[in-house]
Protein backbone atom coordinates (compact mmCIF):
# COMPACT_ATOMS: atom_id res chain seq x y z
CA UNK A 1 102.74 104.85 126.83
CA UNK A 2 106.41 104.21 126.90
CA UNK A 3 106.21 100.63 127.18
CA UNK A 4 104.10 100.77 124.09
CA UNK A 5 106.79 103.42 122.31
CA UNK A 6 109.47 100.64 123.06
CA UNK A 7 107.75 97.32 121.85
CA UNK A 8 105.47 98.44 118.85
CA UNK A 9 106.33 96.41 116.28
CA UNK A 10 107.70 98.33 113.07
CA UNK A 11 106.84 95.44 110.75
CA UNK A 12 103.56 96.66 109.41
CA UNK A 13 102.28 95.03 105.93
CA UNK A 14 100.36 96.41 103.31
CA UNK A 15 97.72 94.01 102.32
CA UNK A 16 98.98 91.66 99.78
CA UNK A 17 96.80 88.36 100.05
CA UNK A 18 96.24 87.88 96.50
CA UNK A 19 98.88 86.17 94.35
CA UNK A 20 100.51 88.79 91.82
CA UNK A 21 99.70 88.26 88.15
CA UNK A 22 102.11 86.66 85.46
CA UNK A 23 101.81 88.23 82.19
CA UNK A 24 103.24 85.38 79.61
CA UNK A 25 103.70 87.18 75.73
CA UNK A 26 105.78 85.69 72.59
CA UNK A 27 107.72 88.19 70.44
CA UNK A 28 108.50 87.53 67.24
CA UNK A 29 112.02 87.36 66.16
CA UNK A 30 111.81 87.08 62.65
CA UNK A 31 109.44 85.25 60.30
CA UNK A 32 107.62 83.68 63.55
CA UNK A 33 104.80 81.68 61.83
CA UNK A 34 101.30 81.74 63.97
CA UNK A 35 101.25 78.01 64.69
CA UNK A 36 104.82 77.96 65.95
CA UNK A 37 104.07 80.99 68.07
CA UNK A 38 100.57 79.16 69.53
CA UNK A 39 103.38 76.12 70.43
CA UNK A 40 105.78 78.35 72.18
CA UNK A 41 103.16 80.23 73.95
CA UNK A 42 101.18 76.96 75.36
CA UNK A 43 104.56 75.53 76.31
CA UNK A 44 105.44 78.95 78.48
CA UNK A 45 102.37 79.19 80.17
CA UNK A 46 101.97 75.41 81.23
CA UNK A 47 105.48 75.82 82.51
CA UNK A 48 104.22 79.07 84.53
CA UNK A 49 101.48 77.14 86.12
CA UNK A 50 103.68 74.57 87.29
CA UNK A 51 106.38 76.51 88.30
CA UNK A 52 105.37 79.33 90.11
CA UNK A 53 102.34 80.07 92.21
CA UNK A 54 101.51 83.23 90.09
CA UNK A 55 98.10 83.95 88.30
CA UNK A 56 99.10 83.34 84.95
CA UNK A 57 97.63 85.63 82.14
CA UNK A 58 98.70 85.10 78.68
CA UNK A 59 98.66 87.48 75.85
CA UNK A 60 97.51 85.81 72.61
CA UNK A 61 99.16 86.62 69.13
CA UNK A 62 102.21 87.42 68.44
CA UNK A 63 103.92 91.02 69.72
CA UNK A 64 106.28 93.10 68.16
CA UNK A 65 110.44 92.30 69.04
CA UNK A 66 111.58 94.88 71.61
CA UNK A 67 115.20 95.86 71.52
CA UNK A 68 115.65 97.19 74.99
CA UNK A 69 114.16 96.79 78.38
CA UNK A 70 112.34 100.00 78.24
CA UNK A 71 110.28 98.35 75.63
CA UNK A 72 109.58 95.12 77.77
CA UNK A 73 108.44 97.18 80.60
CA UNK A 74 105.87 99.29 78.71
CA UNK A 75 104.10 95.69 77.43
CA UNK A 76 104.33 94.35 81.27
CA UNK A 77 102.53 97.73 81.82
CA UNK A 78 100.02 97.39 79.18
CA UNK A 79 99.44 93.93 80.38
CA UNK A 80 98.72 95.10 84.10
CA UNK A 81 100.84 92.45 85.35
CA UNK A 82 103.44 92.54 88.63
CA UNK A 83 105.82 89.99 86.85
CA UNK A 84 106.24 88.94 82.55
CA UNK A 85 107.91 86.31 80.63
CA UNK A 86 108.33 87.35 77.44
CA UNK A 87 109.71 84.21 74.89
CA UNK A 88 111.57 86.09 71.93
CA UNK A 89 111.32 83.10 68.97
CA UNK A 90 113.26 83.17 66.04
CA UNK A 91 112.95 80.16 63.66
CA UNK A 92 116.27 78.27 62.98
CA UNK A 93 115.31 75.31 61.00
CA UNK A 94 112.57 73.21 59.79
CA UNK A 95 111.04 72.04 62.91
CA UNK A 96 113.16 73.64 65.42
CA UNK A 97 113.37 77.21 66.96
CA UNK A 98 115.90 79.76 69.00
CA UNK A 99 114.29 81.19 71.92
CA UNK A 100 115.15 83.75 74.36
CA UNK A 101 113.31 83.90 77.33
CA UNK A 102 113.10 87.08 79.82
CA UNK A 103 111.65 87.55 83.00
CA UNK A 104 110.77 91.24 84.11
CA UNK A 105 110.12 91.90 87.87
CA UNK A 106 107.75 94.73 87.47
CA UNK A 107 108.07 97.96 85.91
CA UNK A 108 110.71 99.04 87.87
CA UNK A 109 112.24 95.78 88.80
CA UNK A 110 115.23 93.91 87.79
CA UNK A 111 115.29 91.54 84.44
CA UNK A 112 116.83 88.09 83.69
CA UNK A 113 117.55 86.14 80.48
CA UNK A 114 118.11 82.62 79.44
CA UNK A 115 118.47 81.34 75.89
CA UNK A 116 117.63 77.97 74.09
CA UNK A 117 119.04 77.18 70.61
CA UNK A 118 117.37 74.71 68.24
CA UNK A 119 114.52 73.52 70.39
CA UNK A 120 112.70 71.38 68.70
CA UNK A 121 108.80 72.22 68.28
CA UNK A 122 107.51 68.97 69.30
CA UNK A 123 109.47 68.94 72.69
CA UNK A 124 109.15 72.72 73.16
CA UNK A 125 108.07 72.25 76.79
CA UNK A 126 110.70 69.96 77.76
CA UNK A 127 113.43 72.35 76.13
CA UNK A 128 112.12 75.55 78.03
CA UNK A 129 111.30 73.77 81.57
CA UNK A 130 114.92 74.44 82.62
CA UNK A 131 115.24 77.70 81.15
CA UNK A 132 111.80 78.88 82.75
CA UNK A 133 112.77 77.09 85.91
CA UNK A 134 116.02 79.42 86.01
CA UNK A 135 114.23 82.83 85.50
CA UNK A 136 111.19 82.22 88.19
CA UNK A 137 112.00 84.07 91.25
CA UNK A 138 112.27 82.19 94.44
CA UNK A 139 109.71 84.21 96.25
CA UNK A 140 107.01 83.30 93.75
CA UNK A 141 107.50 79.77 93.13
CA UNK A 142 104.91 77.11 94.59
CA UNK A 143 104.66 77.29 98.50
CA UNK A 144 106.65 80.68 98.50
CA UNK A 145 106.33 84.15 99.22
CA UNK A 146 108.41 87.25 99.96
CA UNK A 147 109.21 89.64 102.50
CA UNK A 148 110.39 93.16 101.27
CA UNK A 149 112.94 94.70 103.55
CA UNK A 150 113.88 98.03 103.93
CA UNK A 151 117.18 98.85 102.72
CA UNK A 152 118.47 100.19 106.19
CA UNK A 153 117.50 96.72 108.36
CA UNK A 154 120.99 95.73 110.10
CA UNK A 155 119.55 92.32 110.67
CA UNK A 156 116.60 90.10 109.75
CA UNK A 157 115.88 86.90 111.56
CA UNK A 158 112.49 84.76 110.50
CA UNK A 159 111.11 82.00 113.03
CA UNK A 160 114.89 82.60 114.95
CA UNK A 161 116.71 81.91 112.15
CA UNK A 162 119.53 84.77 110.84
CA UNK A 163 118.28 85.70 107.17
CA UNK A 164 121.01 87.24 104.96
CA UNK A 165 118.87 89.76 102.45
CA UNK A 166 120.31 89.12 98.81
CA UNK A 167 118.18 91.42 97.28
CA UNK A 168 115.21 93.58 97.77
CA UNK A 169 112.85 90.88 98.28
CA UNK A 170 113.54 87.87 101.05
CA UNK A 171 111.90 84.48 99.88
CA UNK A 172 110.33 82.69 103.13
CA UNK A 173 107.97 79.76 102.75
CA UNK A 174 104.02 81.12 102.60
CA UNK A 175 102.15 81.15 105.91
CA UNK A 176 102.31 82.96 109.19
CA UNK A 177 106.13 83.98 110.73
CA UNK A 178 107.88 85.53 113.43
CA UNK A 179 109.62 88.12 112.05
CA UNK A 180 112.75 89.75 113.70
CA UNK A 181 113.96 92.76 112.88
CA UNK A 182 117.23 94.69 114.23
CA UNK A 183 117.42 98.17 113.35
CA UNK A 184 120.79 100.04 112.96
CA UNK A 185 119.89 102.37 116.12
CA UNK A 186 119.99 98.95 117.99
CA UNK A 187 116.31 98.70 118.51
CA UNK A 188 114.68 95.35 117.88
CA UNK A 189 110.88 95.05 116.50
CA UNK A 190 109.15 91.60 116.89
CA UNK A 191 105.97 90.77 114.83
CA UNK A 192 103.66 88.01 113.41
CA UNK A 193 103.53 88.18 109.56
CA UNK A 194 101.30 86.21 107.17
CA UNK A 195 103.07 85.79 103.83
CA UNK A 196 101.19 84.82 100.84
CA UNK A 197 101.89 82.75 98.50
CA UNK A 198 103.28 84.00 95.25
CA UNK A 199 102.96 87.27 96.54
CA UNK A 200 105.28 90.04 98.54
CA UNK A 201 104.56 91.20 101.47
CA UNK A 202 105.78 94.68 101.77
CA UNK A 203 106.72 96.18 105.15
CA UNK A 204 106.42 99.95 106.23
CA UNK A 205 110.54 101.17 106.62
CA UNK A 206 111.43 101.63 110.48
CA UNK A 207 111.61 105.94 109.77
CA UNK A 208 108.05 105.94 108.96
CA UNK A 209 107.05 103.98 112.05
CA UNK A 210 109.02 105.84 114.10
CA UNK A 211 107.47 108.89 112.51
CA UNK A 212 104.15 107.59 113.36
CA UNK A 213 104.60 106.67 116.78
CA UNK A 214 106.08 110.17 117.53
CA UNK A 215 102.72 111.26 116.31
CA UNK A 216 100.93 109.24 118.07
CA UNK A 217 102.99 110.26 121.30
CA UNK A 218 102.48 114.04 120.35
CA UNK A 219 98.64 113.45 120.16
CA UNK A 220 98.34 111.69 123.45
CA UNK A 221 100.47 114.51 125.23
CA UNK A 222 98.06 117.16 123.57
CA UNK A 223 94.89 115.08 124.58
CA UNK A 224 95.78 115.08 128.07
CA UNK A 225 96.64 118.31 128.42
CA UNK A 226 93.29 119.24 126.58
CA UNK A 227 91.77 117.29 129.45
CA UNK A 228 93.41 118.75 131.93
CA UNK A 229 92.70 122.46 130.84
CA UNK A 230 88.97 121.91 130.15
CA UNK A 231 88.36 120.40 133.41
CA UNK A 232 90.42 123.22 135.28
CA UNK A 233 88.13 126.26 133.59
CA UNK A 234 84.85 123.51 134.42
CA UNK A 235 86.44 123.84 137.87
CA UNK A 236 86.48 127.21 137.95
CA UNK A 237 83.13 127.71 136.42
CA UNK A 238 81.66 125.55 139.23
CA UNK A 239 83.34 127.62 141.78
CA UNK A 240 81.81 130.72 140.49
CA UNK A 241 78.20 129.58 140.44
CA UNK A 242 78.63 128.80 144.16
CA UNK A 243 80.06 132.22 144.73
CA UNK A 244 77.44 133.93 142.49
CA UNK A 245 74.86 132.15 144.52
CA UNK A 246 76.37 133.67 147.81
CA UNK A 247 76.04 136.96 146.23
CA UNK A 248 72.71 136.30 145.18
CA UNK A 249 71.56 135.25 148.85
CA UNK A 250 73.65 138.12 150.17
CA UNK A 251 71.71 140.77 148.02
CA UNK A 252 68.56 140.10 150.18
CA UNK A 253 70.06 140.87 153.51
CA UNK A 254 68.78 143.54 155.36
CA UNK A 255 65.65 143.85 153.05
CA UNK A 256 62.79 142.84 155.91
CA UNK A 257 59.00 142.49 154.59
CA UNK A 258 56.23 144.89 155.95
CA UNK A 259 53.89 142.97 158.01
CA UNK A 260 51.62 144.32 161.04
CA UNK A 261 51.86 147.59 162.83
CA UNK A 262 55.50 147.70 162.62
CA UNK A 263 56.38 150.05 159.58
CA UNK A 264 60.08 149.62 159.91
CA UNK A 265 60.75 147.47 156.71
CA UNK A 266 62.51 148.56 153.55
CA UNK A 267 61.15 150.85 151.30
CA UNK A 268 59.63 149.91 147.90
CA UNK A 269 62.61 151.22 145.77
CA UNK A 270 65.35 149.89 147.72
CA UNK A 271 63.54 146.29 148.01
CA UNK A 272 63.00 146.46 144.43
CA UNK A 273 66.56 147.26 143.64
CA UNK A 274 67.87 144.33 145.79
CA UNK A 275 65.75 141.88 144.41
CA UNK A 276 66.90 142.69 140.78
CA UNK A 277 70.43 142.25 142.04
CA UNK A 278 69.91 139.08 143.55
CA UNK A 279 68.10 137.85 140.44
CA UNK A 280 71.17 139.16 138.19
CA UNK A 281 73.55 137.04 140.56
CA UNK A 282 71.22 134.30 140.19
CA UNK A 283 71.11 133.84 136.79
CA UNK A 284 74.52 134.36 136.62
CA UNK A 285 75.34 131.19 139.37
CA UNK A 286 73.07 129.07 137.18
CA UNK A 287 74.79 130.10 133.79
CA UNK A 288 78.17 129.01 135.64
CA UNK A 289 77.01 126.07 136.82
CA UNK A 290 75.73 124.62 133.38
CA UNK A 291 79.00 125.60 131.83
CA UNK A 292 81.03 124.45 134.50
CA UNK A 293 79.59 121.03 134.54
CA UNK A 294 79.80 120.58 131.12
CA UNK A 295 83.27 121.20 130.60
CA UNK A 296 84.08 118.96 133.80
CA UNK A 297 82.21 116.35 132.10
CA UNK A 298 84.27 117.09 128.74
CA UNK A 299 87.51 117.22 130.42
CA UNK A 300 86.88 113.96 132.37
CA UNK A 301 86.15 112.27 129.17
CA UNK A 302 89.04 113.21 127.41
CA UNK A 303 91.25 112.11 130.18
CA UNK A 304 89.69 108.86 130.40
CA UNK A 305 89.90 108.46 126.51
CA UNK A 306 93.34 109.50 126.73
CA UNK A 307 94.31 107.03 129.41
CA UNK A 308 92.25 103.50 127.61
CA UNK A 309 94.43 104.72 124.10
CA UNK A 310 97.62 104.79 125.74
CA UNK A 311 96.88 101.22 127.49
CA UNK A 312 96.16 99.84 124.15
């Protein structure tokens, strides 16, 4: 059990096999026409699909202008997406628009903005490409994923290379990786993780895993103690059954049957009382034998189960 406690990996990931969703939405900056909005939305969706591994979900139509981040997060929550690309479009002159692109990482994540002025509607995709490329988080790019690292981690190594977390998510290439985490306590943990493309692999905080290990150790000790107690009680019951059997046989000592002309046998009342006493001892012995056998079997079963569980 102790080797398990020392070597148990502290990085247990929650299921995150599917890529996260990206909601792309056009916001009206004032006087935006439906044709211009459709062109901007189309260019934004194409760029999002080319530059990220996310599942892109465009929102048709033009939404109201949002004055703060809380409004953008509310729209993102309505779309039920983990990531959001909002394009605030304001007509600049005929055939040109000003676009302010905002990327929102989840309902509680960070936001970043880029702006392009006087973009020609005929060349929107080319004008927006550097803007959107600068906003896409590294872990959602094609061929990449992310590791969510606990804030109290002292050092992180991925495939033997030291990684300095610059934020809550550490971008790594999608696929299997060996993750080595050095904890502030000085203990290290090593695990093999499969990082999905375009998604975050959420790692269990070390303190939660340590608490789970402590609970498992406590449960193991309790199970071992229960096996000892159960087997001991069963053994005592078996011993009691042997004593009761001996008393049953002893109760009939001195009771001789009446045969032939010899009339020195025990009288009927005394013989009847002795047989009843012997029967009571015998019944008690049978009960103790059955109970003791059952408890001993249960105790052995608990001990074997605890032993096998400790070795896994």
